[in-house]
N, C-alpha and C. Protein backbone atom coordinates (compact mmCIF):
# COMPACT_ATOMS: atom_id res chain seq x y z
N MET A 1 -4.05 24.28 -15.29
CA MET A 1 -3.97 25.55 -14.60
C MET A 1 -4.85 25.50 -13.35
N SER A 2 -4.41 26.18 -12.33
CA SER A 2 -5.12 26.23 -11.07
C SER A 2 -6.51 26.85 -11.23
N LYS A 3 -7.48 26.26 -10.54
CA LYS A 3 -8.83 26.85 -10.56
C LYS A 3 -8.79 28.26 -9.99
N TYR A 4 -7.88 28.51 -9.05
CA TYR A 4 -7.78 29.84 -8.45
C TYR A 4 -7.26 30.87 -9.46
N LEU A 5 -6.32 30.46 -10.30
CA LEU A 5 -5.84 31.38 -11.32
C LEU A 5 -6.94 31.69 -12.35
N LEU A 6 -7.72 30.68 -12.70
CA LEU A 6 -8.84 30.90 -13.62
C LEU A 6 -9.84 31.88 -13.01
N GLN A 7 -10.14 31.70 -11.73
CA GLN A 7 -11.05 32.62 -11.04
C GLN A 7 -10.45 34.02 -10.99
N ALA A 8 -9.16 34.10 -10.72
CA ALA A 8 -8.49 35.40 -10.64
C ALA A 8 -8.60 36.15 -11.96
N GLU A 9 -8.34 35.45 -13.04
CA GLU A 9 -8.43 36.08 -14.36
C GLU A 9 -9.85 36.55 -14.66
N LYS A 10 -10.82 35.75 -14.29
CA LYS A 10 -12.23 36.10 -14.51
C LYS A 10 -12.60 37.36 -13.72
N PHE A 11 -12.23 37.39 -12.42
CA PHE A 11 -12.53 38.57 -11.61
C PHE A 11 -11.79 39.80 -12.12
N HIS A 12 -10.54 39.61 -12.55
CA HIS A 12 -9.78 40.76 -13.04
C HIS A 12 -10.41 41.34 -14.30
N LYS A 13 -10.80 40.48 -15.20
CA LYS A 13 -11.45 40.93 -16.43
C LYS A 13 -12.73 41.71 -16.11
N LYS A 14 -13.53 41.19 -15.18
CA LYS A 14 -14.76 41.87 -14.77
C LYS A 14 -14.44 43.21 -14.10
N ALA A 15 -13.44 43.21 -13.24
CA ALA A 15 -13.08 44.45 -12.53
C ALA A 15 -12.69 45.54 -13.52
N LEU A 16 -11.85 45.19 -14.46
CA LEU A 16 -11.41 46.18 -15.44
C LEU A 16 -12.56 46.66 -16.31
N ALA A 17 -13.38 45.73 -16.76
CA ALA A 17 -14.53 46.10 -17.60
C ALA A 17 -15.50 47.01 -16.82
N GLU A 18 -15.78 46.67 -15.58
CA GLU A 18 -16.68 47.48 -14.77
C GLU A 18 -16.10 48.86 -14.49
N PHE A 19 -14.80 48.91 -14.23
CA PHE A 19 -14.18 50.20 -13.98
C PHE A 19 -14.27 51.08 -15.23
N LEU A 20 -13.91 50.53 -16.38
CA LEU A 20 -13.93 51.31 -17.62
C LEU A 20 -15.34 51.76 -17.98
N LYS A 21 -16.33 50.91 -17.71
CA LYS A 21 -17.73 51.29 -17.94
C LYS A 21 -18.10 52.44 -17.00
N ALA A 22 -17.71 52.33 -15.75
CA ALA A 22 -18.01 53.39 -14.77
C ALA A 22 -17.33 54.69 -15.18
N LYS A 23 -16.13 54.58 -15.70
CA LYS A 23 -15.38 55.77 -16.15
C LYS A 23 -16.13 56.46 -17.29
N ARG A 24 -16.64 55.67 -18.22
CA ARG A 24 -17.42 56.24 -19.34
C ARG A 24 -18.72 56.86 -18.87
N ASN A 25 -19.29 56.31 -17.78
CA ASN A 25 -20.61 56.75 -17.31
C ASN A 25 -20.53 57.76 -16.17
N GLY A 26 -19.39 58.32 -15.89
CA GLY A 26 -19.31 59.38 -14.90
C GLY A 26 -18.78 58.97 -13.54
N LEU A 27 -18.17 57.81 -13.42
CA LEU A 27 -17.51 57.40 -12.18
C LEU A 27 -18.43 57.43 -10.96
N GLU A 28 -19.55 56.74 -11.07
CA GLU A 28 -20.44 56.61 -9.91
C GLU A 28 -19.70 55.85 -8.81
N GLU A 29 -19.78 56.35 -7.60
CA GLU A 29 -19.03 55.78 -6.48
C GLU A 29 -19.30 54.29 -6.29
N THR A 30 -20.56 53.89 -6.33
CA THR A 30 -20.87 52.47 -6.09
C THR A 30 -20.29 51.59 -7.19
N ASP A 31 -20.26 52.07 -8.43
CA ASP A 31 -19.69 51.30 -9.53
C ASP A 31 -18.18 51.13 -9.35
N ILE A 32 -17.52 52.19 -8.92
CA ILE A 32 -16.08 52.14 -8.68
C ILE A 32 -15.77 51.17 -7.53
N ILE A 33 -16.56 51.23 -6.49
CA ILE A 33 -16.35 50.33 -5.34
C ILE A 33 -16.52 48.88 -5.77
N GLN A 34 -17.53 48.60 -6.58
CA GLN A 34 -17.75 47.23 -7.06
C GLN A 34 -16.57 46.75 -7.92
N ALA A 35 -16.06 47.61 -8.78
CA ALA A 35 -14.90 47.25 -9.60
C ALA A 35 -13.67 47.00 -8.72
N ALA A 36 -13.47 47.85 -7.72
CA ALA A 36 -12.34 47.68 -6.81
C ALA A 36 -12.45 46.36 -6.06
N GLU A 37 -13.63 46.03 -5.63
CA GLU A 37 -13.82 44.79 -4.88
C GLU A 37 -13.53 43.57 -5.76
N LYS A 38 -13.94 43.62 -7.02
CA LYS A 38 -13.61 42.51 -7.92
C LYS A 38 -12.11 42.44 -8.17
N GLY A 39 -11.46 43.59 -8.22
CA GLY A 39 -9.99 43.60 -8.34
C GLY A 39 -9.34 42.93 -7.15
N TRP A 40 -9.86 43.22 -5.95
CA TRP A 40 -9.35 42.58 -4.74
C TRP A 40 -9.59 41.07 -4.79
N LEU A 41 -10.77 40.65 -5.22
CA LEU A 41 -11.05 39.22 -5.31
C LEU A 41 -10.11 38.53 -6.29
N ALA A 42 -9.75 39.22 -7.37
CA ALA A 42 -8.80 38.65 -8.33
C ALA A 42 -7.44 38.44 -7.67
N ALA A 43 -6.97 39.43 -6.93
CA ALA A 43 -5.69 39.31 -6.24
C ALA A 43 -5.75 38.20 -5.18
N HIS A 44 -6.85 38.14 -4.48
CA HIS A 44 -7.05 37.14 -3.43
C HIS A 44 -7.00 35.73 -4.02
N ARG A 45 -7.70 35.51 -5.13
CA ARG A 45 -7.72 34.19 -5.76
C ARG A 45 -6.34 33.82 -6.32
N ALA A 46 -5.65 34.78 -6.92
CA ALA A 46 -4.30 34.51 -7.43
C ALA A 46 -3.38 34.09 -6.28
N THR A 47 -3.51 34.77 -5.16
CA THR A 47 -2.72 34.43 -3.98
C THR A 47 -3.04 33.01 -3.52
N ASN A 48 -4.31 32.63 -3.56
CA ASN A 48 -4.69 31.27 -3.23
C ASN A 48 -3.96 30.26 -4.11
N ALA A 49 -3.81 30.58 -5.40
CA ALA A 49 -3.12 29.66 -6.32
C ALA A 49 -1.68 29.44 -5.88
N LEU A 50 -1.01 30.51 -5.47
CA LEU A 50 0.37 30.39 -5.02
C LEU A 50 0.45 29.58 -3.73
N LEU A 51 -0.44 29.86 -2.81
CA LEU A 51 -0.44 29.14 -1.54
C LEU A 51 -0.76 27.66 -1.75
N GLU A 52 -1.74 27.38 -2.59
CA GLU A 52 -2.09 25.99 -2.88
C GLU A 52 -0.91 25.25 -3.50
N ARG A 53 -0.21 25.90 -4.39
CA ARG A 53 0.95 25.29 -5.07
C ARG A 53 2.00 24.82 -4.06
N HIS A 54 2.06 25.51 -2.92
CA HIS A 54 3.06 25.19 -1.91
C HIS A 54 2.47 24.47 -0.70
N GLY A 55 1.28 23.90 -0.88
CA GLY A 55 0.70 23.05 0.15
C GLY A 55 0.13 23.77 1.35
N LYS A 56 -0.10 25.07 1.23
CA LYS A 56 -0.70 25.83 2.33
C LYS A 56 -2.21 25.65 2.31
N LYS A 57 -2.79 25.65 3.49
CA LYS A 57 -4.25 25.55 3.62
C LYS A 57 -4.87 26.86 3.13
N ILE A 58 -5.87 26.76 2.29
CA ILE A 58 -6.55 27.95 1.77
C ILE A 58 -7.63 28.36 2.74
N THR A 59 -7.51 29.56 3.26
CA THR A 59 -8.49 30.11 4.19
C THR A 59 -9.02 31.43 3.65
N ALA A 60 -10.11 31.88 4.19
CA ALA A 60 -10.69 33.16 3.76
C ALA A 60 -9.94 34.34 4.38
N GLY A 61 -9.30 34.12 5.49
CA GLY A 61 -8.70 35.22 6.25
C GLY A 61 -7.46 35.83 5.62
N THR A 62 -7.42 37.13 5.61
CA THR A 62 -6.29 37.86 5.06
C THR A 62 -5.05 37.72 5.94
N GLN A 63 -5.22 37.78 7.24
CA GLN A 63 -4.07 37.71 8.14
C GLN A 63 -3.33 36.38 7.97
N ARG A 64 -4.05 35.29 7.83
CA ARG A 64 -3.41 33.99 7.63
C ARG A 64 -2.64 33.96 6.31
N LYS A 65 -3.23 34.52 5.25
CA LYS A 65 -2.56 34.57 3.96
C LYS A 65 -1.27 35.39 4.07
N GLN A 66 -1.33 36.50 4.77
CA GLN A 66 -0.13 37.33 4.94
C GLN A 66 0.98 36.53 5.61
N GLN A 67 0.64 35.81 6.65
CA GLN A 67 1.66 35.02 7.36
C GLN A 67 2.20 33.90 6.47
N ASP A 68 1.32 33.24 5.74
CA ASP A 68 1.76 32.18 4.84
C ASP A 68 2.69 32.73 3.75
N LEU A 69 2.39 33.91 3.24
CA LEU A 69 3.26 34.52 2.23
C LEU A 69 4.63 34.85 2.81
N ILE A 70 4.64 35.39 4.01
CA ILE A 70 5.91 35.68 4.68
C ILE A 70 6.72 34.40 4.86
N ASP A 71 6.06 33.33 5.25
CA ASP A 71 6.74 32.04 5.40
C ASP A 71 7.32 31.57 4.07
N LEU A 72 6.57 31.71 2.98
CA LEU A 72 7.06 31.30 1.66
C LEU A 72 8.26 32.14 1.22
N GLU A 73 8.24 33.42 1.57
CA GLU A 73 9.37 34.29 1.21
C GLU A 73 10.68 33.79 1.82
N ARG A 74 10.60 33.21 3.00
CA ARG A 74 11.81 32.71 3.66
C ARG A 74 12.42 31.53 2.92
N VAL A 75 11.55 30.76 2.27
CA VAL A 75 12.01 29.55 1.60
C VAL A 75 12.29 29.77 0.11
N PHE A 76 11.52 30.66 -0.50
CA PHE A 76 11.62 30.88 -1.95
C PHE A 76 11.99 32.34 -2.23
N PRO A 77 13.26 32.58 -2.48
CA PRO A 77 13.72 33.96 -2.73
C PRO A 77 13.00 34.64 -3.90
N GLU A 78 12.57 33.87 -4.89
CA GLU A 78 11.89 34.48 -6.03
C GLU A 78 10.55 35.09 -5.62
N ILE A 79 9.88 34.48 -4.66
CA ILE A 79 8.63 35.05 -4.15
C ILE A 79 8.93 36.38 -3.46
N LYS A 80 10.00 36.42 -2.69
CA LYS A 80 10.38 37.67 -2.02
C LYS A 80 10.77 38.73 -3.04
N ARG A 81 11.59 38.35 -4.03
CA ARG A 81 12.02 39.32 -5.06
C ARG A 81 10.83 39.87 -5.84
N SER A 82 9.80 39.06 -5.98
CA SER A 82 8.61 39.50 -6.72
C SER A 82 7.69 40.39 -5.89
N ALA A 83 8.04 40.57 -4.61
CA ALA A 83 7.29 41.45 -3.70
C ALA A 83 5.81 41.05 -3.58
N ILE A 84 5.56 39.75 -3.59
CA ILE A 84 4.18 39.25 -3.54
C ILE A 84 3.46 39.72 -2.28
N THR A 85 4.13 39.61 -1.13
CA THR A 85 3.47 40.01 0.12
C THR A 85 3.14 41.49 0.11
N ASP A 86 4.07 42.31 -0.32
CA ASP A 86 3.82 43.75 -0.37
C ASP A 86 2.67 44.10 -1.32
N LYS A 87 2.66 43.46 -2.46
CA LYS A 87 1.58 43.72 -3.43
C LYS A 87 0.23 43.25 -2.89
N PHE A 88 0.22 42.06 -2.30
CA PHE A 88 -1.01 41.54 -1.70
C PHE A 88 -1.55 42.53 -0.65
N ASN A 89 -0.66 43.00 0.21
CA ASN A 89 -1.07 43.95 1.25
C ASN A 89 -1.57 45.26 0.64
N SER A 90 -0.92 45.72 -0.41
CA SER A 90 -1.34 46.96 -1.07
C SER A 90 -2.73 46.80 -1.70
N PHE A 91 -2.96 45.67 -2.36
CA PHE A 91 -4.28 45.44 -2.95
C PHE A 91 -5.35 45.34 -1.86
N HIS A 92 -5.02 44.69 -0.78
CA HIS A 92 -5.97 44.59 0.33
C HIS A 92 -6.32 45.98 0.85
N SER A 93 -5.29 46.79 1.10
CA SER A 93 -5.50 48.13 1.65
C SER A 93 -6.25 49.04 0.70
N ASN A 94 -5.86 49.02 -0.57
CA ASN A 94 -6.39 50.01 -1.51
C ASN A 94 -7.65 49.57 -2.24
N LEU A 95 -7.77 48.30 -2.54
CA LEU A 95 -8.96 47.84 -3.29
C LEU A 95 -10.06 47.32 -2.39
N HIS A 96 -9.69 46.81 -1.23
CA HIS A 96 -10.71 46.20 -0.36
C HIS A 96 -11.10 47.14 0.78
N VAL A 97 -10.13 47.67 1.47
CA VAL A 97 -10.43 48.47 2.67
C VAL A 97 -10.74 49.92 2.29
N ALA A 98 -9.79 50.61 1.68
CA ALA A 98 -9.95 52.04 1.45
C ALA A 98 -10.93 52.39 0.34
N ALA A 99 -11.09 51.51 -0.64
CA ALA A 99 -12.00 51.83 -1.75
C ALA A 99 -13.44 52.00 -1.29
N GLY A 100 -13.78 51.41 -0.16
CA GLY A 100 -15.12 51.56 0.38
C GLY A 100 -15.42 52.99 0.80
N CYS A 101 -14.38 53.77 1.02
CA CYS A 101 -14.51 55.19 1.34
C CYS A 101 -13.77 55.97 0.28
N MET A 102 -14.47 56.39 -0.73
CA MET A 102 -13.83 57.05 -1.86
C MET A 102 -13.08 58.32 -1.46
N ASP A 103 -13.30 58.81 -0.27
CA ASP A 103 -12.55 59.98 0.19
C ASP A 103 -11.07 59.64 0.41
N PHE A 104 -10.76 58.36 0.60
CA PHE A 104 -9.40 57.95 0.90
C PHE A 104 -8.61 57.54 -0.33
N VAL A 105 -9.26 57.05 -1.37
CA VAL A 105 -8.57 56.56 -2.55
C VAL A 105 -9.25 57.15 -3.79
N SER A 106 -8.46 57.72 -4.67
CA SER A 106 -9.02 58.31 -5.89
C SER A 106 -9.35 57.22 -6.90
N ALA A 107 -10.23 57.55 -7.82
CA ALA A 107 -10.59 56.61 -8.89
C ALA A 107 -9.36 56.28 -9.73
N LYS A 108 -8.48 57.25 -9.94
CA LYS A 108 -7.26 56.99 -10.73
C LYS A 108 -6.37 55.96 -10.03
N LEU A 109 -6.27 56.06 -8.73
CA LEU A 109 -5.46 55.10 -7.99
C LEU A 109 -6.11 53.71 -8.00
N ILE A 110 -7.41 53.66 -7.91
CA ILE A 110 -8.11 52.38 -8.00
C ILE A 110 -7.85 51.75 -9.36
N GLU A 111 -7.94 52.54 -10.41
CA GLU A 111 -7.67 52.01 -11.74
C GLU A 111 -6.23 51.48 -11.83
N ARG A 112 -5.29 52.20 -11.29
CA ARG A 112 -3.89 51.76 -11.30
C ARG A 112 -3.74 50.41 -10.60
N HIS A 113 -4.41 50.27 -9.45
CA HIS A 113 -4.32 49.02 -8.70
C HIS A 113 -5.02 47.87 -9.44
N ILE A 114 -6.15 48.13 -10.04
CA ILE A 114 -6.83 47.08 -10.80
C ILE A 114 -5.93 46.60 -11.94
N ARG A 115 -5.30 47.52 -12.62
CA ARG A 115 -4.38 47.13 -13.71
C ARG A 115 -3.19 46.35 -13.16
N ALA A 116 -2.69 46.77 -12.00
CA ALA A 116 -1.55 46.08 -11.39
C ALA A 116 -1.91 44.65 -10.97
N VAL A 117 -3.17 44.41 -10.65
CA VAL A 117 -3.60 43.06 -10.31
C VAL A 117 -3.36 42.13 -11.50
N GLY A 118 -3.56 42.62 -12.70
CA GLY A 118 -3.29 41.79 -13.89
C GLY A 118 -1.83 41.36 -13.95
N GLU A 119 -0.92 42.27 -13.64
CA GLU A 119 0.51 41.93 -13.61
C GLU A 119 0.79 40.95 -12.47
N TYR A 120 0.13 41.14 -11.34
CA TYR A 120 0.27 40.26 -10.18
C TYR A 120 -0.14 38.83 -10.55
N ILE A 121 -1.25 38.70 -11.25
CA ILE A 121 -1.72 37.39 -11.68
C ILE A 121 -0.68 36.73 -12.58
N GLN A 122 -0.12 37.49 -13.50
CA GLN A 122 0.89 36.93 -14.40
C GLN A 122 2.15 36.51 -13.63
N THR A 123 2.53 37.29 -12.64
CA THR A 123 3.68 36.94 -11.81
C THR A 123 3.42 35.64 -11.07
N ILE A 124 2.23 35.51 -10.51
CA ILE A 124 1.90 34.29 -9.78
C ILE A 124 1.81 33.10 -10.74
N ARG A 125 1.31 33.32 -11.92
CA ARG A 125 1.28 32.25 -12.93
C ARG A 125 2.70 31.75 -13.20
N ARG A 126 3.62 32.67 -13.35
CA ARG A 126 5.03 32.32 -13.58
C ARG A 126 5.62 31.59 -12.38
N LEU A 127 5.34 32.10 -11.19
CA LEU A 127 5.88 31.48 -9.97
C LEU A 127 5.34 30.07 -9.76
N THR A 128 4.07 29.88 -10.02
CA THR A 128 3.48 28.55 -9.81
C THR A 128 3.94 27.57 -10.88
N ALA A 129 4.24 28.05 -12.06
CA ALA A 129 4.74 27.17 -13.12
C ALA A 129 6.16 26.70 -12.83
N ARG A 130 6.96 27.56 -12.18
CA ARG A 130 8.35 27.25 -11.89
C ARG A 130 8.51 26.52 -10.56
N GLY A 131 7.52 26.65 -9.72
CA GLY A 131 7.64 26.04 -8.41
C GLY A 131 8.08 27.01 -7.34
N GLY A 132 8.35 28.25 -7.73
CA GLY A 132 8.79 29.28 -6.77
C GLY A 132 7.64 29.99 -6.16
C-alpha cells in the first residue's frame, strides 16, 4: 500500500477523533479548526497516492495537484466519474480555507466533510488498486 494512503488514513482517523472529542467538549473553535486541517491533510495525502500511482510529481502546491487531476481525468474516465477533482477542491475550500474562519463554515458541515474524506480515501484506494 502507498505510504500516502497510510498517511491519509492516519490523518483521517485523527481528524475524526479530534472532531468528536471537540463535539463532546463544547465545539471549541480552535479544536474544530485543528480537526478540519487534519481532514484536509488526509485528503491531500490520498490525492498524492493517486498522483504517484500515475507517475505525477508530488508537490506541496494545491494548484499543481488540481491541474494534474484534471489531466488524469482526460485519460482515465473512472477518475472523472468518481469526481476526484471536485471532491479535492471541496475539501480544500471547506476544510483548509474556510474552516479557518468559523463564520463561513458550520461545525456540522466540517464534520460532514471530514466523514466524506474517509469515503474519498476508499475511492482512491480502489482507483489505485485498479490502475484508474
